[in-house]
Amino acid sequence: QEQLVQSGGGLVQPGGSLRLSCVTSGFSLADYAIGWFRQAPGKEREGLSCMSSDHKTVYTDSVKGRFTISRDNAKNTIYLQMNSLKPEDTAVYYCAIYRVSHCGGGSAYRPYNYNYWGQGTQVTVSS
């Protein structure tokens, strides 16, 4: 049974950093692209980043240069390092597994292209 279990959210001051983790099980992580999304209250789920199985990455403009996606296939874990956090980064964050091994340009930011999802973790950026 496929499972993604997230950890690492919380409250952080503006300018601070957090690292989110997502432990996967029930499938071979190395075979798939991975992604991170977020959803703020009253807004649609927003795609942030995608990493292909060959470790190539894409980022949406709002997080480029501040967030870093990574993976450790041996530990079945994916990460999102978030630096220089802003109040507008406040949202529930989700890890997800893409349907194929490569992030497909704009389709990498579409939630319907992902098969498995983490439970979500709250990130609040506030002073």
Foldseek 3Di string as FASTA:
>chain_A
DKAWAKDWADEAAAQAKTKIKIAIDDDQQLFFKKFKWWDAPPGDIWTAKIAASVGDMDGDPVQPPFWDWDDDRVRNMIMIIGGRDDQVVWTWMKMFTFPGRDQDPPCNTPVVRTDDMYPTDTHGYHD
